[in-house]
Amino acid sequence: MKILVILFLGLALILAFLGTITNRWYQSLSNDFHEGLWLFCQRFSSDSSSSTSTINYCRRQPFVKSQALAISGMILLFIAFVSSIVYFYQKTARLLVYFIILILVASTLLLIFSYLLYSRSPHSRQLGYSIYFMLISSILVLISTALITFLAKTVRPPPPTIRLN
């Protein structure tokens, strides 16, 4: 079960990274525009007598709150990922497991708030794959938190050894 937690956290970290850097949080049904944390891209078609040309226009998004929350959530997720690897190689680390659980809960909240506070444009009709990456990442982190909590409750520290001289 320990390896499952590490795999879930690694996959969650990759999905959160992909969800943050890609620009498909929202998109139109006709694929005329798509937007993400960093860019808003729009497609314009100009019909001329000789051929149809398409112009793509992208501008930066000023969603500083959502950007900061997503990056902070990924940093905390990375810290929890590394800490969980360290935890699984140690025999007794009760304080570390509580630290990991706290970091995972904080990371999940930051990732969830990054897309809840994201201001949508009025034309947004369809969720893009980037926001699904963030949602799946949050679900994987919650499952990992539950598994680590279960492991912390079931694993008992070894009994103290008595030395006789």
N, C-alpha and C. Protein backbone atom coordinates (compact mmCIF):
# COMPACT_ATOMS: atom_id res chain seq x y z
N MET A 1 0.83 -1.19 0.00
CA MET A 1 0.00 0.00 0.00
C MET A 1 0.88 1.26 0.00
N LYS A 2 2.09 1.14 0.53
CA LYS A 2 2.98 2.30 0.56
C LYS A 2 3.36 2.75 -0.85
N ILE A 3 3.63 1.76 -1.71
CA ILE A 3 4.01 2.11 -3.08
C ILE A 3 2.83 2.72 -3.82
N LEU A 4 1.62 2.31 -3.48
CA LEU A 4 0.42 2.88 -4.10
C LEU A 4 0.27 4.37 -3.75
N VAL A 5 0.58 4.72 -2.52
CA VAL A 5 0.51 6.12 -2.10
C VAL A 5 1.53 6.95 -2.88
N ILE A 6 2.74 6.42 -3.02
CA ILE A 6 3.78 7.16 -3.76
C ILE A 6 3.39 7.29 -5.23
N LEU A 7 2.83 6.24 -5.82
CA LEU A 7 2.39 6.31 -7.21
C LEU A 7 1.26 7.32 -7.39
N PHE A 8 0.28 7.30 -6.48
CA PHE A 8 -0.82 8.26 -6.56
C PHE A 8 -0.32 9.69 -6.43
N LEU A 9 0.60 9.93 -5.49
CA LEU A 9 1.12 11.29 -5.32
C LEU A 9 1.96 11.72 -6.51
N GLY A 10 2.74 10.81 -7.08
CA GLY A 10 3.52 11.14 -8.27
C GLY A 10 2.62 11.46 -9.46
N LEU A 11 1.58 10.66 -9.65
CA LEU A 11 0.62 10.92 -10.73
C LEU A 11 -0.13 12.22 -10.49
N ALA A 12 -0.50 12.48 -9.24
CA ALA A 12 -1.20 13.73 -8.91
C ALA A 12 -0.31 14.93 -9.18
N LEU A 13 0.97 14.81 -8.88
CA LEU A 13 1.91 15.91 -9.14
C LEU A 13 2.05 16.18 -10.63
N ILE A 14 2.14 15.12 -11.43
CA ILE A 14 2.24 15.28 -12.89
C ILE A 14 0.97 15.91 -13.45
N LEU A 15 -0.19 15.43 -13.01
CA LEU A 15 -1.45 15.98 -13.51
C LEU A 15 -1.66 17.43 -13.09
N ALA A 16 -1.27 17.77 -11.86
CA ALA A 16 -1.38 19.16 -11.41
C ALA A 16 -0.45 20.06 -12.22
N PHE A 17 0.74 19.57 -12.53
CA PHE A 17 1.67 20.34 -13.35
C PHE A 17 1.11 20.55 -14.75
N LEU A 18 0.60 19.48 -15.36
CA LEU A 18 0.02 19.61 -16.70
C LEU A 18 -1.21 20.50 -16.71
N GLY A 19 -2.03 20.38 -15.69
CA GLY A 19 -3.22 21.22 -15.60
C GLY A 19 -2.89 22.69 -15.42
N THR A 20 -1.77 22.96 -14.78
CA THR A 20 -1.38 24.35 -14.55
C THR A 20 -0.74 24.98 -15.78
N ILE A 21 0.08 24.24 -16.50
CA ILE A 21 0.80 24.86 -17.62
C ILE A 21 0.01 24.87 -18.92
N THR A 22 -1.00 24.01 -19.07
CA THR A 22 -1.75 24.00 -20.32
C THR A 22 -2.89 25.02 -20.29
N ASN A 23 -3.30 25.45 -21.45
CA ASN A 23 -4.29 26.53 -21.57
C ASN A 23 -5.64 26.04 -22.05
N ARG A 24 -6.13 24.99 -21.45
CA ARG A 24 -7.45 24.48 -21.81
C ARG A 24 -8.32 24.28 -20.58
N TRP A 25 -8.42 25.30 -19.74
CA TRP A 25 -9.31 25.21 -18.59
C TRP A 25 -10.75 25.34 -19.06
N TYR A 26 -10.99 26.28 -19.94
CA TYR A 26 -12.32 26.46 -20.53
C TYR A 26 -12.14 26.65 -22.02
N GLN A 27 -13.14 26.21 -22.78
CA GLN A 27 -13.09 26.37 -24.23
C GLN A 27 -14.50 26.46 -24.76
N SER A 28 -14.62 27.00 -25.96
CA SER A 28 -15.94 27.07 -26.58
C SER A 28 -16.24 25.75 -27.26
N LEU A 29 -17.52 25.50 -27.47
CA LEU A 29 -17.92 24.26 -28.13
C LEU A 29 -17.44 24.21 -29.58
N SER A 30 -17.36 25.37 -30.21
CA SER A 30 -16.93 25.42 -31.60
C SER A 30 -15.41 25.56 -31.72
N ASN A 31 -14.71 25.54 -30.61
CA ASN A 31 -13.25 25.65 -30.56
C ASN A 31 -12.76 26.99 -31.11
N ASP A 32 -13.57 28.05 -30.93
CA ASP A 32 -13.16 29.38 -31.35
C ASP A 32 -12.23 30.03 -30.34
N PHE A 33 -12.29 29.62 -29.10
CA PHE A 33 -11.39 30.16 -28.10
C PHE A 33 -11.13 29.11 -27.03
N HIS A 34 -10.05 29.28 -26.33
CA HIS A 34 -9.74 28.48 -25.16
C HIS A 34 -8.93 29.34 -24.21
N GLU A 35 -9.06 29.05 -22.93
CA GLU A 35 -8.35 29.84 -21.94
C GLU A 35 -7.84 28.95 -20.82
N GLY A 36 -6.76 29.41 -20.22
CA GLY A 36 -6.17 28.72 -19.09
C GLY A 36 -5.71 29.73 -18.06
N LEU A 37 -4.84 29.29 -17.18
CA LEU A 37 -4.33 30.20 -16.15
C LEU A 37 -3.47 31.30 -16.73
N TRP A 38 -2.80 31.01 -17.82
CA TRP A 38 -1.78 31.94 -18.31
C TRP A 38 -2.19 32.69 -19.57
N LEU A 39 -2.95 32.05 -20.47
CA LEU A 39 -3.28 32.66 -21.76
C LEU A 39 -4.76 32.51 -22.09
N PHE A 40 -5.26 33.49 -22.83
CA PHE A 40 -6.58 33.42 -23.45
C PHE A 40 -6.33 33.48 -24.95
N CYS A 41 -6.71 32.44 -25.67
CA CYS A 41 -6.45 32.38 -27.11
C CYS A 41 -7.78 32.35 -27.86
N GLN A 42 -7.81 33.13 -28.94
CA GLN A 42 -9.02 33.24 -29.74
C GLN A 42 -8.64 33.04 -31.19
N ARG A 43 -9.53 32.40 -31.94
CA ARG A 43 -9.29 32.12 -33.34
C ARG A 43 -10.22 32.97 -34.18
N PHE A 44 -9.65 33.71 -35.11
CA PHE A 44 -10.42 34.53 -36.03
C PHE A 44 -10.25 33.97 -37.43
N SER A 45 -11.33 33.85 -38.16
CA SER A 45 -11.27 33.39 -39.54
C SER A 45 -11.55 34.56 -40.46
N SER A 46 -10.73 34.70 -41.45
CA SER A 46 -10.96 35.75 -42.44
C SER A 46 -11.14 35.08 -43.79
N ASP A 47 -12.26 35.33 -44.39
CA ASP A 47 -12.54 34.74 -45.70
C ASP A 47 -12.10 35.71 -46.78
N SER A 48 -11.25 35.23 -47.61
CA SER A 48 -10.85 36.03 -48.77
C SER A 48 -11.22 35.24 -50.03
N SER A 49 -11.11 35.86 -51.14
CA SER A 49 -11.52 35.19 -52.38
C SER A 49 -10.59 34.04 -52.74
N SER A 50 -9.33 34.12 -52.33
CA SER A 50 -8.39 33.07 -52.71
C SER A 50 -8.36 31.91 -51.72
N SER A 51 -8.39 32.21 -50.44
CA SER A 51 -8.30 31.12 -49.46
C SER A 51 -8.85 31.58 -48.12
N THR A 52 -9.06 30.64 -47.25
CA THR A 52 -9.52 30.94 -45.90
C THR A 52 -8.31 30.89 -44.98
N SER A 53 -8.08 31.96 -44.27
CA SER A 53 -6.94 31.98 -43.35
C SER A 53 -7.46 32.13 -41.92
N THR A 54 -6.72 31.58 -41.00
CA THR A 54 -7.09 31.63 -39.60
C THR A 54 -6.01 32.38 -38.84
N ILE A 55 -6.44 33.31 -38.01
CA ILE A 55 -5.51 34.08 -37.20
C ILE A 55 -5.75 33.70 -35.75
N ASN A 56 -4.70 33.28 -35.08
CA ASN A 56 -4.80 32.98 -33.65
C ASN A 56 -4.26 34.16 -32.87
N TYR A 57 -5.04 34.60 -31.91
CA TYR A 57 -4.65 35.73 -31.07
C TYR A 57 -4.65 35.26 -29.62
N CYS A 58 -3.53 35.41 -28.95
CA CYS A 58 -3.42 35.02 -27.54
C CYS A 58 -2.97 36.22 -26.72
N ARG A 59 -3.56 36.36 -25.56
CA ARG A 59 -3.11 37.40 -24.63
C ARG A 59 -2.96 36.79 -23.25
N ARG A 60 -2.13 37.44 -22.45
CA ARG A 60 -1.88 36.94 -21.10
C ARG A 60 -3.10 37.14 -20.21
N GLN A 61 -3.26 36.21 -19.27
CA GLN A 61 -4.35 36.28 -18.31
C GLN A 61 -3.83 36.87 -17.00
N PRO A 62 -4.55 37.82 -16.43
CA PRO A 62 -4.10 38.42 -15.17
C PRO A 62 -4.71 37.74 -13.93
N PHE A 63 -4.80 36.43 -13.93
CA PHE A 63 -5.40 35.71 -12.80
C PHE A 63 -4.34 35.36 -11.78
N VAL A 64 -3.85 36.37 -11.08
CA VAL A 64 -2.73 36.20 -10.17
C VAL A 64 -3.10 35.30 -8.99
N LYS A 65 -4.31 35.44 -8.47
CA LYS A 65 -4.72 34.62 -7.32
C LYS A 65 -4.73 33.14 -7.68
N SER A 66 -5.36 32.80 -8.78
CA SER A 66 -5.43 31.40 -9.18
C SER A 66 -4.06 30.86 -9.55
N GLN A 67 -3.25 31.68 -10.20
CA GLN A 67 -1.90 31.25 -10.55
C GLN A 67 -1.07 30.97 -9.30
N ALA A 68 -1.14 31.87 -8.33
CA ALA A 68 -0.37 31.70 -7.09
C ALA A 68 -0.86 30.49 -6.30
N LEU A 69 -2.17 30.29 -6.25
CA LEU A 69 -2.71 29.14 -5.53
C LEU A 69 -2.31 27.82 -6.19
N ALA A 70 -2.35 27.77 -7.51
CA ALA A 70 -1.97 26.54 -8.21
C ALA A 70 -0.49 26.23 -8.02
N ILE A 71 0.36 27.25 -8.12
CA ILE A 71 1.80 27.02 -7.94
C ILE A 71 2.10 26.64 -6.50
N SER A 72 1.47 27.30 -5.53
CA SER A 72 1.67 26.95 -4.12
C SER A 72 1.20 25.53 -3.83
N GLY A 73 0.07 25.15 -4.40
CA GLY A 73 -0.43 23.79 -4.22
C GLY A 73 0.51 22.75 -4.79
N MET A 74 1.11 23.05 -5.96
CA MET A 74 2.07 22.12 -6.54
C MET A 74 3.34 22.02 -5.71
N ILE A 75 3.80 23.14 -5.17
CA ILE A 75 5.00 23.11 -4.32
C ILE A 75 4.74 22.27 -3.07
N LEU A 76 3.58 22.47 -2.44
CA LEU A 76 3.25 21.67 -1.26
C LEU A 76 3.08 20.19 -1.62
N LEU A 77 2.52 19.93 -2.78
CA LEU A 77 2.36 18.55 -3.22
C LEU A 77 3.72 17.89 -3.45
N PHE A 78 4.67 18.64 -3.99
CA PHE A 78 6.02 18.11 -4.19
C PHE A 78 6.69 17.83 -2.84
N ILE A 79 6.53 18.75 -1.88
CA ILE A 79 7.10 18.54 -0.54
C ILE A 79 6.48 17.30 0.10
N ALA A 80 5.17 17.13 -0.04
CA ALA A 80 4.51 15.94 0.53
C ALA A 80 4.96 14.67 -0.17
N PHE A 81 5.20 14.74 -1.48
CA PHE A 81 5.67 13.58 -2.23
C PHE A 81 7.04 13.14 -1.74
N VAL A 82 7.96 14.09 -1.60
CA VAL A 82 9.31 13.77 -1.11
C VAL A 82 9.25 13.29 0.34
N SER A 83 8.44 13.94 1.16
CA SER A 83 8.32 13.55 2.57
C SER A 83 7.72 12.15 2.71
N SER A 84 6.79 11.79 1.83
CA SER A 84 6.21 10.46 1.92
C SER A 84 7.22 9.38 1.53
N ILE A 85 8.09 9.69 0.60
CA ILE A 85 9.16 8.74 0.26
C ILE A 85 10.09 8.56 1.46
N VAL A 86 10.44 9.65 2.12
CA VAL A 86 11.28 9.57 3.32
C VAL A 86 10.56 8.80 4.42
N TYR A 87 9.28 9.05 4.59
CA TYR A 87 8.49 8.39 5.64
C TYR A 87 8.46 6.87 5.45
N PHE A 88 8.33 6.43 4.22
CA PHE A 88 8.21 5.00 3.99
C PHE A 88 9.54 4.26 4.13
N TYR A 89 10.65 4.98 4.18
CA TYR A 89 11.93 4.33 4.43
C TYR A 89 12.33 4.36 5.89
N GLN A 90 11.57 5.07 6.71
CA GLN A 90 11.84 5.09 8.15
C GLN A 90 10.86 4.17 8.85
N LYS A 91 11.30 3.65 9.96
CA LYS A 91 10.43 2.74 10.72
C LYS A 91 9.48 3.50 11.64
N THR A 92 10.00 4.45 12.38
CA THR A 92 9.16 5.21 13.31
C THR A 92 9.32 6.70 13.02
N ALA A 93 8.28 7.27 12.51
CA ALA A 93 8.29 8.71 12.22
C ALA A 93 6.86 9.23 12.36
N ARG A 94 6.36 9.21 13.58
CA ARG A 94 4.98 9.63 13.82
C ARG A 94 4.77 11.10 13.48
N LEU A 95 5.71 11.93 13.84
CA LEU A 95 5.57 13.36 13.57
C LEU A 95 5.58 13.64 12.07
N LEU A 96 6.40 12.89 11.34
CA LEU A 96 6.48 13.09 9.89
C LEU A 96 5.17 12.75 9.20
N VAL A 97 4.49 11.70 9.65
CA VAL A 97 3.23 11.33 9.00
C VAL A 97 2.16 12.39 9.24
N TYR A 98 2.16 12.99 10.40
CA TYR A 98 1.20 14.08 10.65
C TYR A 98 1.54 15.30 9.80
N PHE A 99 2.82 15.56 9.62
CA PHE A 99 3.26 16.65 8.75
C PHE A 99 2.81 16.39 7.31
N ILE A 100 2.96 15.15 6.84
CA ILE A 100 2.55 14.81 5.47
C ILE A 100 1.05 14.99 5.29
N ILE A 101 0.28 14.53 6.26
CA ILE A 101 -1.18 14.66 6.17
C ILE A 101 -1.58 16.14 6.13
N LEU A 102 -0.96 16.94 6.97
CA LEU A 102 -1.25 18.38 6.99
C LEU A 102 -0.90 19.03 5.66
N ILE A 103 0.25 18.69 5.11
CA ILE A 103 0.69 19.26 3.83
C ILE A 103 -0.24 18.81 2.70
N LEU A 104 -0.66 17.55 2.72
CA LEU A 104 -1.55 17.06 1.66
C LEU A 104 -2.92 17.74 1.71
N VAL A 105 -3.44 17.94 2.90
CA VAL A 105 -4.73 18.64 3.02
C VAL A 105 -4.59 20.08 2.53
N ALA A 106 -3.51 20.75 2.93
CA ALA A 106 -3.29 22.13 2.48
C ALA A 106 -3.10 22.19 0.97
N SER A 107 -2.37 21.24 0.41
CA SER A 107 -2.17 21.20 -1.04
C SER A 107 -3.49 21.00 -1.77
N THR A 108 -4.32 20.10 -1.27
CA THR A 108 -5.62 19.87 -1.90
C THR A 108 -6.48 21.13 -1.86
N LEU A 109 -6.50 21.79 -0.72
CA LEU A 109 -7.29 23.02 -0.61
C LEU A 109 -6.79 24.10 -1.57
N LEU A 110 -5.48 24.25 -1.68
CA LEU A 110 -4.93 25.26 -2.60
C LEU A 110 -5.27 24.93 -4.05
N LEU A 111 -5.16 23.66 -4.43
CA LEU A 111 -5.50 23.28 -5.80
C LEU A 111 -6.98 23.48 -6.09
N ILE A 112 -7.83 23.13 -5.13
CA ILE A 112 -9.27 23.32 -5.33
C ILE A 112 -9.61 24.81 -5.43
N PHE A 113 -9.04 25.62 -4.55
CA PHE A 113 -9.32 27.06 -4.60
C PHE A 113 -8.75 27.71 -5.85
N SER A 114 -7.70 27.13 -6.45
CA SER A 114 -7.15 27.72 -7.67
C SER A 114 -8.16 27.69 -8.80
N TYR A 115 -8.96 26.62 -8.90
CA TYR A 115 -9.96 26.64 -9.97
C TYR A 115 -11.33 27.12 -9.50
N LEU A 116 -11.56 27.22 -8.21
CA LEU A 116 -12.81 27.84 -7.76
C LEU A 116 -12.76 29.36 -7.86
N LEU A 117 -11.58 29.95 -7.62
CA LEU A 117 -11.44 31.40 -7.69
C LEU A 117 -11.10 31.90 -9.10
N TYR A 118 -10.93 30.98 -10.03
CA TYR A 118 -10.63 31.35 -11.40
C TYR A 118 -11.86 32.02 -12.01
N SER A 119 -11.68 33.23 -12.48
CA SER A 119 -12.84 33.94 -13.04
C SER A 119 -13.05 33.51 -14.49
N ARG A 120 -14.22 33.05 -14.75
CA ARG A 120 -14.55 32.54 -16.08
C ARG A 120 -15.04 33.67 -16.97
N SER A 121 -14.78 33.52 -18.23
CA SER A 121 -15.32 34.49 -19.17
C SER A 121 -16.77 34.12 -19.47
N PRO A 122 -17.58 35.09 -19.86
CA PRO A 122 -19.00 34.80 -20.07
C PRO A 122 -19.28 33.84 -21.22
N HIS A 123 -18.33 33.68 -22.16
CA HIS A 123 -18.57 32.78 -23.29
C HIS A 123 -18.21 31.34 -22.96
N SER A 124 -17.63 31.09 -21.80
CA SER A 124 -17.17 29.73 -21.47
C SER A 124 -18.34 28.77 -21.42
N ARG A 125 -18.28 27.80 -22.26
CA ARG A 125 -19.37 26.84 -22.34
C ARG A 125 -18.94 25.44 -21.92
N GLN A 126 -17.70 25.13 -22.04
CA GLN A 126 -17.27 23.76 -21.84
C GLN A 126 -15.96 23.76 -21.05
N LEU A 127 -15.87 22.82 -20.11
CA LEU A 127 -14.62 22.65 -19.38
C LEU A 127 -13.60 22.00 -20.30
N GLY A 128 -12.36 22.44 -20.19
CA GLY A 128 -11.29 21.86 -20.98
C GLY A 128 -10.57 20.77 -20.21
N TYR A 129 -9.62 20.11 -20.88
CA TYR A 129 -8.94 18.99 -20.25
C TYR A 129 -8.02 19.43 -19.12
N SER A 130 -7.55 20.67 -19.12
CA SER A 130 -6.64 21.13 -18.07
C SER A 130 -7.32 21.15 -16.71
N ILE A 131 -8.56 21.58 -16.67
CA ILE A 131 -9.26 21.62 -15.38
C ILE A 131 -9.61 20.21 -14.92
N TYR A 132 -9.81 19.29 -15.85
CA TYR A 132 -10.01 17.89 -15.46
C TYR A 132 -8.74 17.31 -14.86
N PHE A 133 -7.58 17.69 -15.41
CA PHE A 133 -6.31 17.26 -14.81
C PHE A 133 -6.22 17.73 -13.36
N MET A 134 -6.61 18.97 -13.10
CA MET A 134 -6.55 19.51 -11.74
C MET A 134 -7.54 18.78 -10.82
N LEU A 135 -8.73 18.49 -11.32
CA LEU A 135 -9.73 17.77 -10.52
C LEU A 135 -9.26 16.35 -10.18
N ILE A 136 -8.74 15.65 -11.17
CA ILE A 136 -8.25 14.29 -10.93
C ILE A 136 -7.06 14.32 -9.97
N SER A 137 -6.20 15.32 -10.11
CA SER A 137 -5.07 15.46 -9.19
C SER A 137 -5.55 15.66 -7.76
N SER A 138 -6.56 16.49 -7.57
CA SER A 138 -7.10 16.72 -6.22
C SER A 138 -7.71 15.44 -5.65
N ILE A 139 -8.40 14.68 -6.48
CA ILE A 139 -8.99 13.43 -6.01
C ILE A 139 -7.91 12.43 -5.62
N LEU A 140 -6.84 12.34 -6.42
CA LEU A 140 -5.74 11.43 -6.09
C LEU A 140 -5.05 11.84 -4.79
N VAL A 141 -4.92 13.14 -4.56
CA VAL A 141 -4.30 13.60 -3.31
C VAL A 141 -5.19 13.25 -2.13
N LEU A 142 -6.50 13.40 -2.27
CA LEU A 142 -7.41 13.03 -1.19
C LEU A 142 -7.36 11.53 -0.89
N ILE A 143 -7.29 10.71 -1.93
CA ILE A 143 -7.17 9.27 -1.73
C ILE A 143 -5.85 8.94 -1.04
N SER A 144 -4.77 9.58 -1.46
CA SER A 144 -3.47 9.36 -0.83
C SER A 144 -3.48 9.79 0.62
N THR A 145 -4.15 10.88 0.92
CA THR A 145 -4.26 11.34 2.31
C THR A 145 -4.99 10.30 3.15
N ALA A 146 -6.06 9.74 2.62
CA ALA A 146 -6.80 8.71 3.35
C ALA A 146 -5.95 7.46 3.55
N LEU A 147 -5.18 7.07 2.53
CA LEU A 147 -4.33 5.89 2.66
C LEU A 147 -3.21 6.10 3.68
N ILE A 148 -2.60 7.28 3.66
CA ILE A 148 -1.53 7.56 4.63
C ILE A 148 -2.10 7.62 6.04
N THR A 149 -3.28 8.17 6.19
CA THR A 149 -3.92 8.20 7.51
C THR A 149 -4.21 6.78 7.99
N PHE A 150 -4.69 5.93 7.10
CA PHE A 150 -4.94 4.54 7.45
C PHE A 150 -3.65 3.82 7.83
N LEU A 151 -2.59 4.06 7.05
CA LEU A 151 -1.30 3.44 7.36
C LEU A 151 -0.75 3.92 8.70
N ALA A 152 -0.95 5.18 9.01
CA ALA A 152 -0.44 5.73 10.27
C ALA A 152 -1.17 5.11 11.46
N LYS A 153 -2.44 4.78 11.28
CA LYS A 153 -3.20 4.20 12.39
C LYS A 153 -2.94 2.71 12.55
N THR A 154 -2.62 2.02 11.46
CA THR A 154 -2.43 0.57 11.54
C THR A 154 -1.00 0.17 11.88
N VAL A 155 -0.03 0.98 11.50
CA VAL A 155 1.36 0.65 11.78
C VAL A 155 1.68 1.07 13.21
N ARG A 156 2.13 0.12 13.97
CA ARG A 156 2.48 0.40 15.36
C ARG A 156 4.00 0.46 15.48
N PRO A 157 4.48 1.33 16.34
CA PRO A 157 5.93 1.38 16.53
C PRO A 157 6.42 0.09 17.18
N PRO A 158 7.65 -0.31 16.89
CA PRO A 158 8.17 -1.54 17.49
C PRO A 158 8.31 -1.38 19.00
N PRO A 159 8.18 -2.48 19.72
CA PRO A 159 8.32 -2.38 21.18
C PRO A 159 9.74 -2.00 21.56
N PRO A 160 9.91 -1.33 22.68
CA PRO A 160 11.26 -0.94 23.09
C PRO A 160 12.08 -2.18 23.45
N THR A 161 13.33 -2.10 23.13
CA THR A 161 14.23 -3.22 23.44
C THR A 161 14.88 -2.99 24.80
N ILE A 162 15.04 -4.05 25.50
CA ILE A 162 15.66 -3.98 26.82
C ILE A 162 17.03 -4.62 26.72
N ARG A 163 18.02 -3.89 27.14
CA ARG A 163 19.39 -4.41 27.12
C ARG A 163 19.75 -4.89 28.51
N LEU A 164 20.26 -6.05 28.54
CA LEU A 164 20.76 -6.60 29.80
C LEU A 164 22.27 -6.63 29.74
N ASN A 165 22.89 -6.04 30.68
CA ASN A 165 24.36 -6.02 30.72
C ASN A 165 24.90 -7.09 31.62
